[in-house]
PDB file of N, CA and C in Angstrom:
ATOM      1  N   MET A   1      88.765 110.869 111.896  1.00  0.00           N
ATOM      2  CA  MET A   1      88.054 109.628 111.711  1.00  0.00           C
ATOM      3  C   MET A   1      86.570 109.906 111.441  1.00  0.00           C
ATOM      4  N   ILE A   2      86.034 110.915 112.110  1.00  0.00           N
ATOM      5  CA  ILE A   2      84.632 111.278 111.896  1.00  0.00           C
ATOM      6  C   ILE A   2      84.433 111.751 110.465  1.00  0.00           C
ATOM      7  N   LEU A   3      85.387 112.546 109.954  1.00  0.00           N
ATOM      8  CA  LEU A   3      85.282 113.031 108.580  1.00  0.00           C
ATOM      9  C   LEU A   3      85.365 111.891 107.573  1.00  0.00           C
ATOM     10  N   VAL A   4      86.128 110.850 107.880  1.00  0.00           N
ATOM     11  CA  VAL A   4      86.209 109.678 107.001  1.00  0.00           C
ATOM     12  C   VAL A   4      84.828 109.052 106.884  1.00  0.00           C
ATOM     13  N   ALA A   5      84.169 108.854 108.016  1.00  0.00           N
ATOM     14  CA  ALA A   5      82.834 108.251 108.021  1.00  0.00           C
ATOM     15  C   ALA A   5      81.830 109.127 107.276  1.00  0.00           C
ATOM     16  N   CYS A   6      81.872 110.430 107.502  1.00  0.00           N
ATOM     17  CA  CYS A   6      80.957 111.351 106.816  1.00  0.00           C
ATOM     18  C   CYS A   6      81.183 111.324 105.307  1.00  0.00           C
ATOM     19  N   ALA A   7      82.426 111.325 104.894  1.00  0.00           N
ATOM     20  CA  ALA A   7      82.738 111.289 103.460  1.00  0.00           C
ATOM     21  C   ALA A   7      82.185 110.019 102.829  1.00  0.00           C
ATOM     22  N   ARG A   8      82.312 108.909 103.526  1.00  0.00           N
ATOM     23  CA  ARG A   8      81.814 107.638 102.982  1.00  0.00           C
ATOM     24  C   ARG A   8      80.285 107.632 102.929  1.00  0.00           C
ATOM     25  N   LEU A   9      79.650 108.184 103.957  1.00  0.00           N
ATOM     26  CA  LEU A   9      78.191 108.250 103.965  1.00  0.00           C
ATOM     27  C   LEU A   9      77.666 109.128 102.838  1.00  0.00           C
ATOM     28  N   LEU A  10      78.372 110.208 102.540  1.00  0.00           N
ATOM     29  CA  LEU A  10      77.957 111.135 101.489  1.00  0.00           C
ATOM     30  C   LEU A  10      78.464 110.718 100.110  1.00  0.00           C
ATOM     31  N   HIS A  11      79.212 109.618 100.070  1.00  0.00           N
ATOM     32  CA  HIS A  11      79.819 109.134  98.828  1.00  0.00           C
ATOM     33  C   HIS A  11      80.660 110.221  98.169  1.00  0.00           C
ATOM     34  N   ALA A  12      81.356 110.989  98.986  1.00  0.00           N
ATOM     35  CA  ALA A  12      82.215 112.063  98.487  1.00  0.00           C
ATOM     36  C   ALA A  12      83.653 111.568  98.418  1.00  0.00           C
ATOM     37  N   SER A  13      84.376 112.077  97.443  1.00  0.00           N
ATOM     38  CA  SER A  13      85.792 111.716  97.334  1.00  0.00           C
ATOM     39  C   SER A  13      86.600 112.560  98.306  1.00  0.00           C
ATOM     40  N   GLY A  14      87.824 112.136  98.557  1.00  0.00           N
ATOM     41  CA  GLY A  14      88.721 112.905  99.418  1.00  0.00           C
ATOM     42  C   GLY A  14      88.927 114.307  98.893  1.00  0.00           C
ATOM     43  N   ARG A  15      89.033 114.437  97.580  1.00  0.00           N
ATOM     44  CA  ARG A  15      89.229 115.751  96.960  1.00  0.00           C
ATOM     45  C   ARG A  15      88.008 116.649  97.195  1.00  0.00           C
ATOM     46  N   GLU A  16      86.800 116.086  97.055  1.00  0.00           N
ATOM     47  CA  GLU A  16      85.579 116.871  97.272  1.00  0.00           C
ATOM     48  C   GLU A  16      85.476 117.348  98.713  1.00  0.00           C
ATOM     49  N   VAL A  17      85.788 116.471  99.648  1.00  0.00           N
ATOM     50  CA  VAL A  17      85.727 116.838 101.064  1.00  0.00           C
ATOM     51  C   VAL A  17      86.753 117.921 101.358  1.00  0.00           C
ATOM     52  N   ALA A  18      87.979 117.739 100.868  1.00  0.00           N
ATOM     53  CA  ALA A  18      89.029 118.732 101.105  1.00  0.00           C
ATOM     54  C   ALA A  18      88.643 120.075 100.500  1.00  0.00           C
ATOM     55  N   GLU A  19      88.055 120.077  99.299  1.00  0.00           N
ATOM     56  CA  GLU A  19      87.636 121.328  98.650  1.00  0.00           C
ATOM     57  C   GLU A  19      86.583 122.053  99.484  1.00  0.00           C
ATOM     58  N   ARG A  20      85.667 121.304 100.051  1.00  0.00           N
ATOM     59  CA  ARG A  20      84.624 121.919 100.886  1.00  0.00           C
ATOM     60  C   ARG A  20      85.192 122.512 102.167  1.00  0.00           C
ATOM     61  N   LEU A  21      86.311 121.957 102.639  1.00  0.00           N
ATOM     62  CA  LEU A  21      86.915 122.443 103.883  1.00  0.00           C
ATOM     63  C   LEU A  21      87.744 123.710 103.687  1.00  0.00           C
ATOM     64  N   LEU A  22      88.166 123.987 102.457  1.00  0.00           N
ATOM     65  CA  LEU A  22      88.994 125.166 102.218  1.00  0.00           C
ATOM     66  C   LEU A  22      88.158 126.440 102.325  1.00  0.00           C
ATOM     67  N   PRO A  23      88.777 127.534 102.750  1.00  0.00           N
ATOM     68  CA  PRO A  23      88.046 128.790 102.943  1.00  0.00           C
ATOM     69  C   PRO A  23      87.639 129.442 101.623  1.00  0.00           C
ATOM     70  N   HIS A  24      86.527 130.192 101.686  1.00  0.00           N
ATOM     71  CA  HIS A  24      86.019 130.890 100.508  1.00  0.00           C
ATOM     72  C   HIS A  24      85.884 132.392 100.741  1.00  0.00           C
ATOM     73  N   THR A  25      85.713 132.835 101.979  1.00  0.00           N
ATOM     74  CA  THR A  25      85.551 134.260 102.297  1.00  0.00           C
ATOM     75  C   THR A  25      86.669 134.701 103.240  1.00  0.00           C
ATOM     76  N   LYS A  26      86.749 136.017 103.489  1.00  0.00           N
ATOM     77  CA  LYS A  26      87.768 136.527 104.414  1.00  0.00           C
ATOM     78  C   LYS A  26      87.576 135.951 105.816  1.00  0.00           C
ATOM     79  N   THR A  27      86.331 135.847 106.250  1.00  0.00           N
ATOM     80  CA  THR A  27      86.050 135.259 107.563  1.00  0.00           C
ATOM     81  C   THR A  27      86.485 133.796 107.587  1.00  0.00           C
ATOM     82  N   ASP A  28      86.226 133.090 106.489  1.00  0.00           N
ATOM     83  CA  ASP A  28      86.672 131.696 106.378  1.00  0.00           C
ATOM     84  C   ASP A  28      88.191 131.596 106.497  1.00  0.00           C
ATOM     85  N   ILE A  29      88.901 132.539 105.871  1.00  0.00           N
ATOM     86  CA  ILE A  29      90.368 132.512 105.896  1.00  0.00           C
ATOM     87  C   ILE A  29      90.885 132.669 107.320  1.00  0.00           C
ATOM     88  N   VAL A  30      90.336 133.636 108.052  1.00  0.00           N
ATOM     89  CA  VAL A  30      90.755 133.845 109.447  1.00  0.00           C
ATOM     90  C   VAL A  30      90.438 132.601 110.273  1.00  0.00           C
ATOM     91  N   SER A  31      89.239 132.068 110.093  1.00  0.00           N
ATOM     92  CA  SER A  31      88.848 130.854 110.821  1.00  0.00           C
ATOM     93  C   SER A  31      89.756 129.685 110.455  1.00  0.00           C
ATOM     94  N   TYR A  32      90.094 129.576 109.177  1.00  0.00           N
ATOM     95  CA  TYR A  32      90.960 128.494 108.710  1.00  0.00           C
ATOM     96  C   TYR A  32      92.350 128.600 109.332  1.00  0.00           C
ATOM     97  N   LEU A  33      92.897 129.815 109.397  1.00  0.00           N
ATOM     98  CA  LEU A  33      94.219 130.004 110.008  1.00  0.00           C
ATOM     99  C   LEU A  33      94.190 129.659 111.495  1.00  0.00           C
ATOM    100  N   LEU A  34      93.103 130.009 112.172  1.00  0.00           N
ATOM    101  CA  LEU A  34      92.957 129.630 113.586  1.00  0.00           C
ATOM    102  C   LEU A  34      92.853 128.111 113.721  1.00  0.00           C
ATOM    103  N   LEU A  35      92.132 127.497 112.801  1.00  0.00           N
ATOM    104  CA  LEU A  35      92.027 126.037 112.800  1.00  0.00           C
ATOM    105  C   LEU A  35      93.396 125.395 112.564  1.00  0.00           C
ATOM    106  N   CYS A  36      94.174 125.966 111.643  1.00  0.00           N
ATOM    107  CA  CYS A  36      95.528 125.448 111.370  1.00  0.00           C
ATOM    108  C   CYS A  36      96.406 125.534 112.614  1.00  0.00           C
ATOM    109  N   ALA A  37      96.311 126.655 113.328  1.00  0.00           N
ATOM    110  CA  ALA A  37      97.108 126.817 114.551  1.00  0.00           C
ATOM    111  C   ALA A  37      96.667 125.812 115.610  1.00  0.00           C
ATOM    112  N   THR A  38      95.361 125.640 115.749  1.00  0.00           N
ATOM    113  CA  THR A  38      94.831 124.694 116.733  1.00  0.00           C
ATOM    114  C   THR A  38      95.221 123.262 116.374  1.00  0.00           C
ATOM    115  N   ALA A  39      95.077 122.904 115.099  1.00  0.00           N
ATOM    116  CA  ALA A  39      95.439 121.550 114.659  1.00  0.00           C
ATOM    117  C   ALA A  39      96.927 121.304 114.856  1.00  0.00           C
ATOM    118  N   GLY A  40      97.740 122.286 114.493  1.00  0.00           N
ATOM    119  CA  GLY A  40      99.187 122.142 114.670  1.00  0.00           C
ATOM    120  C   GLY A  40      99.553 121.891 116.115  1.00  0.00           C
ATOM    121  N   PHE A  41      98.932 122.631 117.015  1.00  0.00           N
ATOM    122  CA  PHE A  41      99.208 122.468 118.444  1.00  0.00           C
ATOM    123  C   PHE A  41      98.689 121.124 118.948  1.00  0.00           C
ATOM    124  N   CYS A  42      97.401 120.876 118.737  1.00  0.00           N
ATOM    125  CA  CYS A  42      96.767 119.677 119.302  1.00  0.00           C
ATOM    126  C   CYS A  42      97.322 118.381 118.715  1.00  0.00           C
ATOM    127  N   GLU A  43      97.487 118.332 117.400  1.00  0.00           N
ATOM    128  CA  GLU A  43      97.973 117.101 116.788  1.00  0.00           C
ATOM    129  C   GLU A  43      99.416 116.807 117.179  1.00  0.00           C
ATOM    130  N   GLU A  44     100.235 117.832 117.335  1.00  0.00           N
ATOM    131  CA  GLU A  44     101.611 117.586 117.779  1.00  0.00           C
ATOM    132  C   GLU A  44     101.636 117.072 119.216  1.00  0.00           C
ATOM    133  N   VAL A  45     100.802 117.633 120.076  1.00  0.00           N
ATOM    134  CA  VAL A  45     100.743 117.161 121.466  1.00  0.00           C
ATOM    135  C   VAL A  45     100.275 115.705 121.503  1.00  0.00           C
ATOM    136  N   ILE A  46      99.218 115.398 120.754  1.00  0.00           N
ATOM    137  CA  ILE A  46      98.655 114.045 120.783  1.00  0.00           C
ATOM    138  C   ILE A  46      99.579 113.030 120.106  1.00  0.00           C
ATOM    139  N   PHE A  47      99.964 113.305 118.867  1.00  0.00           N
ATOM    140  CA  PHE A  47     100.695 112.298 118.089  1.00  0.00           C
ATOM    141  C   PHE A  47     102.171 112.220 118.443  1.00  0.00           C
ATOM    142  N   ARG A  48     102.858 113.357 118.493  1.00  0.00           N
ATOM    143  CA  ARG A  48     104.292 113.326 118.796  1.00  0.00           C
ATOM    144  C   ARG A  48     104.560 113.396 120.289  1.00  0.00           C
ATOM    145  N   GLY A  49     103.794 114.194 121.013  1.00  0.00           N
ATOM    146  CA  GLY A  49     104.031 114.334 122.445  1.00  0.00           C
ATOM    147  C   GLY A  49     103.570 113.144 123.261  1.00  0.00           C
ATOM    148  N   TYR A  50     102.465 112.530 122.864  1.00  0.00           N
ATOM    149  CA  TYR A  50     101.932 111.412 123.643  1.00  0.00           C
ATOM    150  C   TYR A  50     102.136 110.069 122.936  1.00  0.00           C
ATOM    151  N   LEU A  51     101.517 109.892 121.763  1.00  0.00           N
ATOM    152  CA  LEU A  51     101.546 108.576 121.114  1.00  0.00           C
ATOM    153  C   LEU A  51     102.952 108.120 120.743  1.00  0.00           C
ATOM    154  N   GLN A  52     103.761 109.010 120.209  1.00  0.00           N
ATOM    155  CA  GLN A  52     105.118 108.597 119.831  1.00  0.00           C
ATOM    156  C   GLN A  52     105.888 108.106 121.051  1.00  0.00           C
ATOM    157  N   ARG A  53     105.753 108.802 122.155  1.00  0.00           N
ATOM    158  CA  ARG A  53     106.439 108.375 123.385  1.00  0.00           C
ATOM    159  C   ARG A  53     105.874 107.064 123.911  1.00  0.00           C
ATOM    160  N   GLN A  54     104.554 106.936 123.892  1.00  0.00           N
ATOM    161  CA  GLN A  54     103.929 105.711 124.393  1.00  0.00           C
ATOM    162  C   GLN A  54     104.275 104.511 123.520  1.00  0.00           C
ATOM    163  N   PHE A  55     104.192 104.679 122.198  1.00  0.00           N
ATOM    164  CA  PHE A  55     104.549 103.584 121.292  1.00  0.00           C
ATOM    165  C   PHE A  55     106.022 103.217 121.435  1.00  0.00           C
ATOM    166  N   SER A  56     106.882 104.210 121.621  1.00  0.00           N
ATOM    167  CA  SER A  56     108.317 103.939 121.810  1.00  0.00           C
ATOM    168  C   SER A  56     108.553 103.141 123.085  1.00  0.00           C
ATOM    169  N   ALA A  57     107.873 103.529 124.162  1.00  0.00           N
ATOM    170  CA  ALA A  57     108.013 102.806 125.433  1.00  0.00           C
ATOM    171  C   ALA A  57     107.436 101.395 125.309  1.00  0.00           C
ATOM    172  N   TRP A  58     106.295 101.266 124.645  1.00  0.00           N
ATOM    173  CA  TRP A  58     105.616  99.985 124.501  1.00  0.00           C
ATOM    174  C   TRP A  58     106.442  99.004 123.669  1.00  0.00           C
ATOM    175  N   THR A  59     107.060  99.494 122.582  1.00  0.00           N
ATOM    176  CA  THR A  59     107.832  98.615 121.700  1.00  0.00           C
ATOM    177  C   THR A  59     109.300  98.523 122.098  1.00  0.00           C
ATOM    178  N   GLY A  60     109.759  99.469 122.912  1.00  0.00           N
ATOM    179  CA  GLY A  60     111.174  99.519 123.267  1.00  0.00           C
ATOM    180  C   GLY A  60     112.041 100.062 122.143  1.00  0.00           C
ATOM    181  N   SER A  61     111.403 100.688 121.151  1.00  0.00           N
ATOM    182  CA  SER A  61     112.125 101.194 119.983  1.00  0.00           C
ATOM    183  C   SER A  61     111.643 102.596 119.621  1.00  0.00           C
ATOM    184  N   THR A  62     112.576 103.525 119.556  1.00  0.00           N
ATOM    185  CA  THR A  62     112.241 104.893 119.154  1.00  0.00           C
ATOM    186  C   THR A  62     111.732 104.923 117.717  1.00  0.00           C
ATOM    187  N   ILE A  63     112.361 104.141 116.852  1.00  0.00           N
ATOM    188  CA  ILE A  63     111.959 104.115 115.440  1.00  0.00           C
ATOM    189  C   ILE A  63     110.558 103.533 115.285  1.00  0.00           C
ATOM    190  N   ALA A  64     110.267 102.448 115.986  1.00  0.00           N
ATOM    191  CA  ALA A  64     108.927 101.851 115.917  1.00  0.00           C
ATOM    192  C   ALA A  64     107.883 102.828 116.440  1.00  0.00           C
ATOM    193  N   GLY A  65     108.190 103.522 117.523  1.00  0.00           N
ATOM    194  CA  GLY A  65     107.269 104.520 118.069  1.00  0.00           C
ATOM    195  C   GLY A  65     106.987 105.624 117.076  1.00  0.00           C
ATOM    196  N   LEU A  66     108.034 106.073 116.403  1.00  0.00           N
ATOM    197  CA  LEU A  66     107.893 107.122 115.400  1.00  0.00           C
ATOM    198  C   LEU A  66     107.027 106.640 114.236  1.00  0.00           C
ATOM    199  N   LEU A  67     107.298 105.440 113.742  1.00  0.00           N
ATOM    200  CA  LEU A  67     106.543 104.909 112.607  1.00  0.00           C
ATOM    201  C   LEU A  67     105.087 104.626 112.961  1.00  0.00           C
ATOM    202  N   LEU A  68     104.850 104.069 114.140  1.00  0.00           N
ATOM    203  CA  LEU A  68     103.470 103.767 114.551  1.00  0.00           C
ATOM    204  C   LEU A  68     102.630 105.029 114.687  1.00  0.00           C
ATOM    205  N   GLN A  69     103.189 106.073 115.320  1.00  0.00           N
ATOM    206  CA  GLN A  69     102.403 107.303 115.455  1.00  0.00           C
ATOM    207  C   GLN A  69     102.116 107.908 114.089  1.00  0.00           C
ATOM    208  N   ALA A  70     103.078 107.785 113.151  1.00  0.00           N
ATOM    209  CA  ALA A  70     102.885 108.341 111.811  1.00  0.00           C
ATOM    210  C   ALA A  70     101.774 107.609 111.065  1.00  0.00           C
ATOM    211  N   VAL A  71     101.714 106.284 111.225  1.00  0.00           N
ATOM    212  CA  VAL A  71     100.663 105.498 110.578  1.00  0.00           C
ATOM    213  C   VAL A  71      99.293 105.869 111.151  1.00  0.00           C
ATOM    214  N   VAL A  72      99.202 105.998 112.460  1.00  0.00           N
ATOM    215  CA  VAL A  72      97.936 106.394 113.095  1.00  0.00           C
ATOM    216  C   VAL A  72      97.562 107.813 112.655  1.00  0.00           C
ATOM    217  N   PHE A  73      98.543 108.701 112.588  1.00  0.00           N
ATOM    218  CA  PHE A  73      98.327 110.077 112.135  1.00  0.00           C
ATOM    219  C   PHE A  73      97.788 110.081 110.704  1.00  0.00           C
ATOM    220  N   GLY A  74      98.409 109.311 109.826  1.00  0.00           N
ATOM    221  CA  GLY A  74      97.942 109.226 108.445  1.00  0.00           C
ATOM    222  C   GLY A  74      96.543 108.644 108.346  1.00  0.00           C
ATOM    223  N   ALA A  75      96.272 107.591 109.112  1.00  0.00           N
ATOM    224  CA  ALA A  75      94.948 106.958 109.098  1.00  0.00           C
ATOM    225  C   ALA A  75      93.863 107.925 109.551  1.00  0.00           C
ATOM    226  N   GLY A  76      94.203 108.797 110.480  1.00  0.00           N
ATOM    227  CA  GLY A  76      93.240 109.791 110.955  1.00  0.00           C
ATOM    228  C   GLY A  76      92.869 110.814 109.898  1.00  0.00           C
ATOM    229  N   HIS A  77      93.639 110.861 108.827  1.00  0.00           N
ATOM    230  CA  HIS A  77      93.365 111.778 107.721  1.00  0.00           C
ATOM    231  C   HIS A  77      92.853 111.015 106.495  1.00  0.00           C
ATOM    232  N   GLY A  78      92.287 109.843 106.730  1.00  0.00           N
ATOM    233  CA  GLY A  78      91.798 109.000 105.647  1.00  0.00           C
ATOM    234  C   GLY A  78      90.720 109.626 104.795  1.00  0.00           C
ATOM    235  N   TYR A  79      90.015 110.604 105.318  1.00  0.00           N
ATOM    236  CA  TYR A  79      88.964 111.281 104.557  1.00  0.00           C
ATOM    237  C   TYR A  79      89.530 112.001 103.337  1.00  0.00           C
ATOM    238  N   GLN A  80      90.852 112.197 103.308  1.00  0.00           N
ATOM    239  CA  GLN A  80      91.464 112.888 102.174  1.00  0.00           C
ATOM    240  C   GLN A  80      91.863 111.923 101.055  1.00  0.00           C
ATOM    241  N   GLY A  81      91.572 110.657 101.241  1.00  0.00           N
ATOM    242  CA  GLY A  81      91.862 109.660 100.217  1.00  0.00           C
ATOM    243  C   GLY A  81      93.205 108.985 100.442  1.00  0.00           C
ATOM    244  N   PRO A  82      93.402 107.820  99.806  1.00  0.00           N
ATOM    245  CA  PRO A  82      94.607 107.020 100.049  1.00  0.00           C
ATOM    246  C   PRO A  82      95.917 107.732  99.700  1.00  0.00           C
ATOM    247  N   ARG A  83      95.947 108.464  98.587  1.00  0.00           N
ATOM    248  CA  ARG A  83      97.181 109.133  98.177  1.00  0.00           C
ATOM    249  C   ARG A  83      97.606 110.178  99.199  1.00  0.00           C
ATOM    250  N   LEU A  84      96.682 111.055  99.582  1.00  0.00           N
ATOM    251  CA  LEU A  84      97.021 112.089 100.566  1.00  0.00           C
ATOM    252  C   LEU A  84      97.251 111.490 101.943  1.00  0.00           C
ATOM    253  N   MET A  85      96.564 110.395 102.242  1.00  0.00           N
ATOM    254  CA  MET A  85      96.799 109.723 103.516  1.00  0.00           C
ATOM    255  C   MET A  85      98.253 109.244 103.593  1.00  0.00           C
ATOM    256  N   ALA A  86      98.778 108.736 102.489  1.00  0.00           N
ATOM    257  CA  ALA A  86     100.177 108.302 102.448  1.00  0.00           C
ATOM    258  C   ALA A  86     101.118 109.497 102.610  1.00  0.00           C
ATOM    259  N   VAL A  87     100.800 110.601 101.940  1.00  0.00           N
ATOM    260  CA  VAL A  87     101.617 111.817 102.066  1.00  0.00           C
ATOM    261  C   VAL A  87     101.604 112.312 103.507  1.00  0.00           C
ATOM    262  N   ILE A  88     100.433 112.299 104.129  1.00  0.00           N
ATOM    263  CA  ILE A  88     100.302 112.776 105.509  1.00  0.00           C
ATOM    264  C   ILE A  88     101.040 111.843 106.471  1.00  0.00           C
ATOM    265  N   THR A  89     101.082 110.559 106.167  1.00  0.00           N
ATOM    266  CA  THR A  89     101.872 109.626 106.978  1.00  0.00           C
ATOM    267  C   THR A  89     103.350 110.008 106.922  1.00  0.00           C
ATOM    268  N   VAL A  90     103.823 110.385 105.748  1.00  0.00           N
ATOM    269  CA  VAL A  90     105.217 110.839 105.608  1.00  0.00           C
ATOM    270  C   VAL A  90     105.435 112.111 106.431  1.00  0.00           C
ATOM    271  N   PHE A  91     104.473 113.045 106.365  1.00  0.00           N
ATOM    272  CA  PHE A  91     104.576 114.248 107.201  1.00  0.00           C
ATOM    273  C   PHE A  91     104.628 113.871 108.679  1.00  0.00           C
ATOM    274  N   GLY A  92     103.850 112.865 109.080  1.00  0.00           N
ATOM    275  CA  GLY A  92     103.890 112.391 110.462  1.00  0.00           C
ATOM    276  C   GLY A  92     105.277 111.900 110.847  1.00  0.00           C
ATOM    277  N   CYS A  93     105.932 111.212 109.918  1.00  0.00           N
ATOM    278  CA  CYS A  93     107.323 110.771 110.168  1.00  0.00           C
ATOM    279  C   CYS A  93     108.252 111.971 110.302  1.00  0.00           C
ATOM    280  N   LEU A  94     108.104 112.934 109.405  1.00  0.00           N
ATOM    281  CA  LEU A  94     108.972 114.117 109.447  1.00  0.00           C
ATOM    282  C   LEU A  94     108.762 114.923 110.725  1.00  0.00           C
ATOM    283  N   PHE A  95     107.496 115.121 111.108  1.00  0.00           N
ATOM    284  CA  PHE A  95     107.220 115.846 112.351  1.00  0.00           C
ATOM    285  C   PHE A  95     107.745 115.064 113.552  1.00  0.00           C
ATOM    286  N   GLY A  96     107.640 113.732 113.489  1.00  0.00           N
ATOM    287  CA  GLY A  96     108.171 112.891 114.562  1.00  0.00           C
ATOM    288  C   GLY A  96     109.682 112.984 114.670  1.00  0.00           C
ATOM    289  N   LEU A  97     110.368 112.980 113.526  1.00  0.00           N
ATOM    290  CA  LEU A  97     111.825 113.147 113.520  1.00  0.00           C
ATOM    291  C   LEU A  97     112.220 114.513 114.072  1.00  0.00           C
ATOM    292  N   LEU A  98     111.466 115.534 113.699  1.00  0.00           N
ATOM    293  CA  LEU A  98     111.736 116.885 114.188  1.00  0.00           C
ATOM    294  C   LEU A  98     111.585 116.955 115.705  1.00  0.00           C
ATOM    295  N   ALA A  99     110.532 116.333 116.228  1.00  0.00           N
ATOM    296  CA  ALA A  99     110.321 116.312 117.686  1.00  0.00           C
ATOM    297  C   ALA A  99     111.454 115.570 118.387  1.00  0.00           C
ATOM    298  N   GLN A 100     111.889 114.460 117.796  1.00  0.00           N
ATOM    299  CA  GLN A 100     112.994 113.680 118.364  1.00  0.00           C
ATOM    300  C   GLN A 100     114.286 114.490 118.352  1.00  0.00           C
ATOM    301  N   TRP A 101     114.584 115.085 117.213  1.00  0.00           N
ATOM    302  CA  TRP A 101     115.840 115.817 117.024  1.00  0.00           C
ATOM    303  C   TRP A 101     115.920 117.051 117.913  1.00  0.00           C
ATOM    304  N   ARG A 102     114.844 117.833 117.967  1.00  0.00           N
ATOM    305  CA  ARG A 102     114.848 119.084 118.723  1.00  0.00           C
ATOM    306  C   ARG A 102     114.459 118.894 120.191  1.00  0.00           C
ATOM    307  N   ARG A 103     113.954 117.718 120.524  1.00  0.00           N
ATOM    308  CA  ARG A 103     113.483 117.432 121.890  1.00  0.00           C
ATOM    309  C   ARG A 103     112.464 118.473 122.356  1.00  0.00           C
ATOM    310  N   SER A 104     111.620 118.851 121.414  1.00  0.00           N
ATOM    311  CA  SER A 104     110.591 119.857 121.670  1.00  0.00           C
ATOM    312  C   SER A 104     109.486 119.680 120.632  1.00  0.00           C
ATOM    313  N   LEU A 105     108.266 119.999 121.037  1.00  0.00           N
ATOM    314  CA  LEU A 105     107.147 119.947 120.099  1.00  0.00           C
ATOM    315  C   LEU A 105     106.969 121.263 119.346  1.00  0.00           C
ATOM    316  N   ARG A 106     107.556 122.335 119.851  1.00  0.00           N
ATOM    317  CA  ARG A 106     107.335 123.658 119.248  1.00  0.00           C
ATOM    318  C   ARG A 106     107.726 123.745 117.775  1.00  0.00           C
ATOM    319  N   PRO A 107     108.917 123.270 117.386  1.00  0.00           N
ATOM    320  CA  PRO A 107     109.252 123.352 115.948  1.00  0.00           C
ATOM    321  C   PRO A 107     108.252 122.589 115.075  1.00  0.00           C
ATOM    322  N   GLY A 108     107.786 121.449 115.553  1.00  0.00           N
ATOM    323  CA  GLY A 108     106.787 120.679 114.817  1.00  0.00           C
ATOM    324  C   GLY A 108     105.454 121.392 114.740  1.00  0.00           C
ATOM    325  N   MET A 109     105.083 122.070 115.808  1.00  0.00           N
ATOM    326  CA  MET A 109     103.837 122.842 115.803  1.00  0.00           C
ATOM    327  C   MET A 109     103.896 123.934 114.742  1.00  0.00           C
ATOM    328  N   ILE A 110     105.042 124.602 114.668  1.00  0.00           N
ATOM    329  CA  ILE A 110     105.216 125.666 113.671  1.00  0.00           C
ATOM    330  C   ILE A 110     105.208 125.075 112.263  1.00  0.00           C
ATOM    331  N   ALA A 111     105.959 123.993 112.059  1.00  0.00           N
ATOM    332  CA  ALA A 111     106.005 123.346 110.744  1.00  0.00           C
ATOM    333  C   ALA A 111     104.625 122.831 110.341  1.00  0.00           C
ATOM    334  N   HIS A 112     103.906 122.270 111.287  1.00  0.00           N
ATOM    335  CA  HIS A 112     102.565 121.738 111.041  1.00  0.00           C
ATOM    336  C   HIS A 112     101.625 122.867 110.622  1.00  0.00           C
ATOM    337  N   PHE A 113     101.673 123.980 111.350  1.00  0.00           N
ATOM    338  CA  PHE A 113     100.852 125.146 110.999  1.00  0.00           C
ATOM    339  C   PHE A 113     101.187 125.632 109.588  1.00  0.00           C
ATOM    340  N   LEU A 114     102.470 125.759 109.290  1.00  0.00           N
ATOM    341  CA  LEU A 114     102.883 126.249 107.972  1.00  0.00           C
ATOM    342  C   LEU A 114     102.441 125.299 106.864  1.00  0.00           C
ATOM    343  N   GLN A 115     102.545 124.012 107.113  1.00  0.00           N
ATOM    344  CA  GLN A 115     102.135 123.030 106.109  1.00  0.00           C
ATOM    345  C   GLN A 115     100.623 123.087 105.888  1.00  0.00           C
ATOM    346  N   ASP A 116      99.853 123.110 106.967  1.00  0.00           N
ATOM    347  CA  ASP A 116      98.394 123.160 106.837  1.00  0.00           C
ATOM    348  C   ASP A 116      97.939 124.459 106.178  1.00  0.00           C
ATOM    349  N   SER A 117      98.522 125.570 106.586  1.00  0.00           N
ATOM    350  CA  SER A 117      98.088 126.865 106.054  1.00  0.00           C
ATOM    351  C   SER A 117      98.557 127.082 104.619  1.00  0.00           C
ATOM    352  N   SER A 118      99.526 126.299 104.154  1.00  0.00           N
ATOM    353  CA  SER A 118      99.983 126.433 102.767  1.00  0.00           C
ATOM    354  C   SER A 118      98.879 126.080 101.772  1.00  0.00           C
ATOM    355  N   ALA A 119      97.846 125.396 102.226  1.00  0.00           N
ATOM    356  CA  ALA A 119      96.703 125.098 101.355  1.00  0.00           C
ATOM    357  C   ALA A 119      96.055 126.383 100.859  1.00  0.00           C
ATOM    358  N   LEU A 120      96.184 127.453 101.624  1.00  0.00           N
ATOM    359  CA  LEU A 120      95.644 128.746 101.186  1.00  0.00           C
ATOM    360  C   LEU A 120      96.349 129.229  99.923  1.00  0.00           C
ATOM    361  N   LEU A 121      97.650 128.984  99.833  1.00  0.00           N
ATOM    362  CA  LEU A 121      98.397 129.390  98.640  1.00  0.00           C
ATOM    363  C   LEU A 121      97.885 128.653  97.410  1.00  0.00           C
ATOM    364  N   VAL A 122      97.600 127.376  97.587  1.00  0.00           N
ATOM    365  CA  VAL A 122      97.074 126.573  96.488  1.00  0.00           C
ATOM    366  C   VAL A 122      95.675 127.054  96.124  1.00  0.00           C
ATOM    367  N   ARG A 123      94.884 127.340  97.129  1.00  0.00           N
ATOM    368  CA  ARG A 123      93.495 127.749  96.920  1.00  0.00           C
ATOM    369  C   ARG A 123      93.397 129.062  96.152  1.00  0.00           C
ATOM    370  N   PHE A 124      94.240 130.023  96.497  1.00  0.00           N
ATOM    371  CA  PHE A 124      94.117 131.360  95.918  1.00  0.00           C
ATOM    372  C   PHE A 124      95.186 131.667  94.881  1.00  0.00           C
ATOM    373  N   HIS A 125      95.878 130.655  94.404  1.00  0.00           N
ATOM    374  CA  HIS A 125      96.906 130.860  93.377  1.00  0.00           C
ATOM    375  C   HIS A 125      96.273 130.991  92.016  1.00  0.00           C
TER     376      HIS A 125
END
């Protein structure tokens, strides 16, 4: 959410902000991979481990809980622009389904890390 506000203040597009966040040096790459691991862990705990369960309990519906956490997850990535925000909302649904199916956050943490770190392949391709 903070990055969304910064992007708007700087009048930067989602693509420009995302480009600035990608690594450029070897040190950046190591830092980026650590960031991917941290984001994968923390976001899965917050969104799937906490919010999905809370929304499910609040609404009385597992599906509603899954969808609500995915929408909040996507909105939190609004700095990447509307198109990527929609894609990230879909990823939130997929990670939520994975957490539900496996009854564990670990597979989602791994999938989240792999998805985030795949940006390196795009960057250096």
